[in-house]
Amino acid sequence: MVGLLALLPFFALGLMGAADVKVFAVLGAWCGMHALPGLWMAASLAAGVHALWLLITTRTRLAGFGRHAGATFEIGGKASTPYAACLTVAAMLWLVLQTAGEGLR
């Protein structure tokens, strides 16, 4: 429930898709509430790196950001990459680290 409530305001403002919110809610149930802040930070860093990579590879000029209201770039007909993808990568890494930590004990 904490994962759902944490990202629901972003969905209500139209900044995030419903699937992103639902994935975070499932990760809260699966990984536990204590893992959510770390997953959120890791996913946000991954999303930032991904966005920077897209800006570089599409050769988007920073001067053009404020000039038009349309999307800067599109992937598969969408204006952005789902945040849920970054959340799942962060969760997979967290689970691998948890499993490796249990194996060392």
Protein backbone atom coordinates (compact mmCIF):
# COMPACT_ATOMS: atom_id res chain seq x y z
CA MET A 1 0.00 0.00 0.00
CA VAL A 2 2.91 2.33 0.75
CA GLY A 3 4.30 1.90 -2.77
CA LEU A 4 0.93 2.71 -4.28
CA LEU A 5 0.41 5.79 -2.14
CA ALA A 6 3.95 7.06 -2.73
CA LEU A 7 3.57 7.35 -6.52
CA LEU A 8 -0.18 7.94 -6.81
CA PRO A 9 0.17 11.76 -6.67
CA PHE A 10 2.54 11.63 -9.68
CA PHE A 11 -0.09 9.65 -11.60
CA ALA A 12 -2.83 12.09 -10.55
CA LEU A 13 -0.74 14.97 -11.91
CA GLY A 14 -0.19 13.13 -15.20
CA LEU A 15 3.56 12.81 -14.65
CA MET A 16 3.59 9.02 -14.40
CA GLY A 17 1.65 6.17 -15.93
CA ALA A 18 -0.64 3.83 -14.03
CA ALA A 19 1.62 0.84 -14.72
CA ASP A 20 4.55 2.61 -13.04
CA VAL A 21 2.49 3.13 -9.90
CA LYS A 22 1.24 -0.46 -9.90
CA VAL A 23 4.75 -1.88 -10.35
CA PHE A 24 5.98 0.17 -7.38
CA ALA A 25 3.05 -1.10 -5.31
CA VAL A 26 3.90 -4.70 -6.20
CA LEU A 27 7.57 -4.11 -5.37
CA GLY A 28 6.51 -2.81 -1.97
CA ALA A 29 4.59 -6.01 -1.36
CA TRP A 30 7.34 -8.22 -2.75
CA CYS A 31 10.52 -6.59 -1.44
CA GLY A 32 9.09 -4.97 1.66
CA MET A 33 8.45 -1.39 2.67
CA HIS A 34 12.03 -0.93 3.88
CA ALA A 35 13.35 -1.47 0.33
CA LEU A 36 11.15 1.14 -1.37
CA PRO A 37 13.27 4.28 -0.74
CA GLY A 38 16.40 2.57 -2.07
CA LEU A 39 14.55 1.16 -5.07
CA TRP A 40 13.07 4.58 -5.80
CA MET A 41 16.48 6.26 -5.65
CA ALA A 42 18.19 3.58 -7.75
CA ALA A 43 15.39 3.66 -10.34
CA SER A 44 15.54 7.46 -10.49
CA LEU A 45 19.29 7.35 -11.08
CA ALA A 46 18.82 4.71 -13.77
CA ALA A 47 16.11 6.83 -15.41
CA GLY A 48 18.40 9.86 -15.35
CA VAL A 49 21.27 7.93 -16.93
CA HIS A 50 18.87 6.51 -19.51
CA ALA A 51 17.52 9.97 -20.36
CA LEU A 52 21.05 11.35 -20.70
CA TRP A 53 21.98 8.42 -22.94
CA LEU A 54 18.93 9.09 -25.14
CA LEU A 55 19.77 12.78 -25.37
CA ILE A 56 23.30 11.95 -26.47
CA THR A 57 22.41 9.19 -28.92
CA THR A 58 19.58 11.17 -30.53
CA ARG A 59 21.84 14.24 -30.63
CA THR A 60 19.18 16.40 -29.04
CA ARG A 61 20.34 19.98 -28.65
CA LEU A 62 19.79 21.51 -25.23
CA ALA A 63 18.95 24.84 -26.82
CA GLY A 64 15.84 23.32 -28.39
CA PHE A 65 14.17 22.27 -25.14
CA GLY A 66 12.10 25.37 -24.49
CA ARG A 67 11.17 26.16 -28.07
CA HIS A 68 8.44 23.65 -28.80
CA ALA A 69 5.72 21.97 -26.80
CA GLY A 70 6.10 18.53 -28.40
CA ALA A 71 8.14 15.59 -27.22
CA THR A 72 11.90 15.91 -27.46
CA PHE A 73 12.23 12.39 -28.81
CA GLU A 74 10.06 9.32 -29.21
CA ILE A 75 10.75 5.64 -28.75
CA GLY A 76 8.30 3.20 -30.23
CA GLY A 77 5.75 5.97 -30.74
CA LYS A 78 5.89 7.01 -27.08
CA ALA A 79 7.39 10.21 -25.74
CA SER A 80 9.30 8.46 -22.97
CA THR A 81 10.42 5.16 -21.52
CA PRO A 82 8.21 3.69 -18.79
CA TYR A 83 9.61 4.28 -15.32
CA ALA A 84 8.50 0.74 -14.45
CA ALA A 85 11.42 -0.57 -16.52
CA CYS A 86 13.87 1.32 -14.30
CA LEU A 87 12.04 0.13 -11.20
CA THR A 88 12.30 -3.51 -12.26
CA VAL A 89 16.02 -3.23 -13.02
CA ALA A 90 16.60 -1.71 -9.56
CA ALA A 91 14.49 -4.44 -7.96
CA MET A 92 16.37 -7.21 -9.77
CA LEU A 93 19.69 -5.81 -8.56
CA TRP A 94 18.33 -5.50 -5.02
CA LEU A 95 17.11 -9.10 -5.05
CA VAL A 96 20.44 -10.38 -6.41
CA LEU A 97 22.27 -8.50 -3.65
CA GLN A 98 19.87 -9.88 -1.03
CA THR A 99 20.34 -13.42 -2.32
CA ALA A 100 24.12 -13.03 -2.43
CA GLY A 101 24.08 -11.64 1.12
CA GLU A 102 22.10 -14.64 2.35
CA GLY A 103 24.58 -16.99 0.69
CA LEU A 104 27.48 -15.37 2.57
CA ARG A 105 25.89 -15.92 5.97
